[in-house]
Amino acid sequence: MKDPVRYPAVLQKKAWDKTVMYPAYLFQSGPMSTFSRQFFSWWKKHYQYPGSPVKNIKIRLKPKTNRALAHFFIHKKPLQEMLTRMEPSNI
């Protein structure tokens, strides 16, 4: 065992698993919400046929969400204690 403080688990190298593929796609509501079903039917039809070299590869789709404009404008207010402790400026 390595020291968890000096070597956190997040920074440890993970073994490469070549039987799992993680394609990322841009998730959108509406017509693109059926993308995963369409993708898996296409994958099974064109790549998972008997005798295919990639027949045993598992697919795990990773959706990337579109950031709305509101995400860029959200700012949290400072704590009330911080605002009341401010000293007046002598300008």
C-alpha atoms as a PDB file:
ATOM      1  CA  MET A   1       0.000   0.000   0.000  1.00  0.00           C
ATOM      2  CA  LYS A   2       1.206   3.462  -0.834  1.00  0.00           C
ATOM      3  CA  ASP A   3       0.719   6.454   1.424  1.00  0.00           C
ATOM      4  CA  PRO A   4      -2.753   7.899   0.536  1.00  0.00           C
ATOM      5  CA  VAL A   5      -1.620  11.436   1.387  1.00  0.00           C
ATOM      6  CA  ARG A   6       1.382  11.415  -0.915  1.00  0.00           C
ATOM      7  CA  TYR A   7      -0.288   9.201  -3.564  1.00  0.00           C
ATOM      8  CA  PRO A   8      -4.053   9.926  -3.667  1.00  0.00           C
ATOM      9  CA  ALA A   9      -6.241   7.342  -5.381  1.00  0.00           C
ATOM     10  CA  VAL A  10      -7.424   9.923  -7.919  1.00  0.00           C
ATOM     11  CA  LEU A  11      -3.896  10.368  -9.268  1.00  0.00           C
ATOM     12  CA  GLN A  12      -3.074   6.649  -9.476  1.00  0.00           C
ATOM     13  CA  LYS A  13      -2.713   5.197 -12.944  1.00  0.00           C
ATOM     14  CA  LYS A  14      -5.580   2.958 -13.936  1.00  0.00           C
ATOM     15  CA  ALA A  15      -5.092  -0.187 -15.956  1.00  0.00           C
ATOM     16  CA  TRP A  16      -6.071   0.276 -19.573  1.00  0.00           C
ATOM     17  CA  ASP A  17      -9.076  -1.858 -20.496  1.00  0.00           C
ATOM     18  CA  LYS A  18      -9.151  -2.269 -24.252  1.00  0.00           C
ATOM     19  CA  THR A  19     -12.517  -4.040 -24.177  1.00  0.00           C
ATOM     20  CA  VAL A  20     -14.397  -0.877 -23.141  1.00  0.00           C
ATOM     21  CA  MET A  21     -14.786   2.219 -25.307  1.00  0.00           C
ATOM     22  CA  TYR A  22     -16.098   5.564 -23.974  1.00  0.00           C
ATOM     23  CA  PRO A  23     -17.218   7.752 -26.909  1.00  0.00           C
ATOM     24  CA  ALA A  24     -18.430  11.206 -25.890  1.00  0.00           C
ATOM     25  CA  TYR A  25     -21.338  12.890 -27.599  1.00  0.00           C
ATOM     26  CA  LEU A  26     -23.038  16.245 -27.210  1.00  0.00           C
ATOM     27  CA  PHE A  27     -26.306  15.650 -25.351  1.00  0.00           C
ATOM     28  CA  GLN A  28     -29.285  17.730 -26.385  1.00  0.00           C
ATOM     29  CA  SER A  29     -32.947  17.367 -25.604  1.00  0.00           C
ATOM     30  CA  GLY A  30     -35.426  16.891 -28.410  1.00  0.00           C
ATOM     31  CA  PRO A  31     -34.536  14.800 -31.468  1.00  0.00           C
ATOM     32  CA  MET A  32     -31.082  13.947 -30.115  1.00  0.00           C
ATOM     33  CA  SER A  33     -32.543  12.317 -26.980  1.00  0.00           C
ATOM     34  CA  THR A  34     -32.882   9.054 -28.937  1.00  0.00           C
ATOM     35  CA  PHE A  35     -29.218   9.116 -29.965  1.00  0.00           C
ATOM     36  CA  SER A  36     -28.114   6.344 -27.595  1.00  0.00           C
ATOM     37  CA  ARG A  37     -30.748   3.905 -28.889  1.00  0.00           C
ATOM     38  CA  GLN A  38     -29.910   4.729 -32.506  1.00  0.00           C
ATOM     39  CA  PHE A  39     -26.178   4.457 -31.845  1.00  0.00           C
ATOM     40  CA  PHE A  40     -26.455   1.021 -30.203  1.00  0.00           C
ATOM     41  CA  SER A  41     -28.635  -0.341 -33.012  1.00  0.00           C
ATOM     42  CA  TRP A  42     -26.083   0.959 -35.560  1.00  0.00           C
ATOM     43  CA  TRP A  43     -23.201  -0.526 -33.520  1.00  0.00           C
ATOM     44  CA  LYS A  44     -24.844  -3.945 -33.344  1.00  0.00           C
ATOM     45  CA  LYS A  45     -25.686  -3.918 -37.044  1.00  0.00           C
ATOM     46  CA  HIS A  46     -22.281  -2.837 -38.396  1.00  0.00           C
ATOM     47  CA  TYR A  47     -19.731  -3.924 -35.777  1.00  0.00           C
ATOM     48  CA  GLN A  48     -21.070  -6.724 -33.580  1.00  0.00           C
ATOM     49  CA  TYR A  49     -21.801  -9.261 -36.286  1.00  0.00           C
ATOM     50  CA  PRO A  50     -20.380 -12.794 -35.865  1.00  0.00           C
ATOM     51  CA  GLY A  51     -16.703 -12.914 -36.790  1.00  0.00           C
ATOM     52  CA  SER A  52     -16.109  -9.180 -36.265  1.00  0.00           C
ATOM     53  CA  PRO A  53     -12.754  -8.264 -34.662  1.00  0.00           C
ATOM     54  CA  VAL A  54     -14.496  -5.696 -32.422  1.00  0.00           C
ATOM     55  CA  LYS A  55     -17.392  -7.951 -31.458  1.00  0.00           C
ATOM     56  CA  ASN A  56     -16.356  -8.137 -27.783  1.00  0.00           C
ATOM     57  CA  ILE A  57     -15.868  -4.384 -27.243  1.00  0.00           C
ATOM     58  CA  LYS A  58     -18.369  -2.796 -24.854  1.00  0.00           C
ATOM     59  CA  ILE A  59     -19.572   0.740 -25.483  1.00  0.00           C
ATOM     60  CA  ARG A  60     -20.344   3.201 -22.691  1.00  0.00           C
ATOM     61  CA  LEU A  61     -21.604   6.514 -24.034  1.00  0.00           C
ATOM     62  CA  LYS A  62     -20.535   9.635 -22.136  1.00  0.00           C
ATOM     63  CA  PRO A  63     -22.890  12.569 -22.715  1.00  0.00           C
ATOM     64  CA  LYS A  64     -21.429  16.066 -22.710  1.00  0.00           C
ATOM     65  CA  THR A  65     -24.047  18.660 -21.856  1.00  0.00           C
ATOM     66  CA  ASN A  66     -24.320  22.004 -23.544  1.00  0.00           C
ATOM     67  CA  ARG A  67     -23.675  24.794 -21.102  1.00  0.00           C
ATOM     68  CA  ALA A  68     -26.435  27.338 -21.202  1.00  0.00           C
ATOM     69  CA  LEU A  69     -25.723  31.034 -21.160  1.00  0.00           C
ATOM     70  CA  ALA A  70     -27.079  31.180 -17.596  1.00  0.00           C
ATOM     71  CA  HIS A  71     -24.155  29.039 -16.374  1.00  0.00           C
ATOM     72  CA  PHE A  72     -21.719  31.762 -17.378  1.00  0.00           C
ATOM     73  CA  PHE A  73     -23.586  34.533 -15.534  1.00  0.00           C
ATOM     74  CA  ILE A  74     -24.147  32.781 -12.190  1.00  0.00           C
ATOM     75  CA  HIS A  75     -22.119  34.366  -9.395  1.00  0.00           C
ATOM     76  CA  LYS A  76     -22.585  33.631  -5.720  1.00  0.00           C
ATOM     77  CA  LYS A  77     -22.983  36.505  -3.323  1.00  0.00           C
ATOM     78  CA  PRO A  78     -20.396  36.861  -0.546  1.00  0.00           C
ATOM     79  CA  LEU A  79     -21.367  35.796   2.960  1.00  0.00           C
ATOM     80  CA  GLN A  80     -23.355  38.306   5.011  1.00  0.00           C
ATOM     81  CA  GLU A  81     -20.607  38.405   7.680  1.00  0.00           C
ATOM     82  CA  MET A  82     -18.076  39.429   5.077  1.00  0.00           C
ATOM     83  CA  LEU A  83     -20.278  42.254   3.832  1.00  0.00           C
ATOM     84  CA  THR A  84     -20.977  43.660   7.292  1.00  0.00           C
ATOM     85  CA  ARG A  85     -17.321  43.602   8.382  1.00  0.00           C
ATOM     86  CA  MET A  86     -16.161  45.816   5.571  1.00  0.00           C
ATOM     87  CA  GLU A  87     -14.526  48.990   6.800  1.00  0.00           C
ATOM     88  CA  PRO A  88     -15.605  52.288   5.252  1.00  0.00           C
ATOM     89  CA  SER A  89     -13.061  53.889   2.983  1.00  0.00           C
ATOM     90  CA  ASN A  90     -11.891  57.459   3.594  1.00  0.00           C
ATOM     91  CA  ILE A  91     -11.855  58.866   0.109  1.00  0.00           C
END
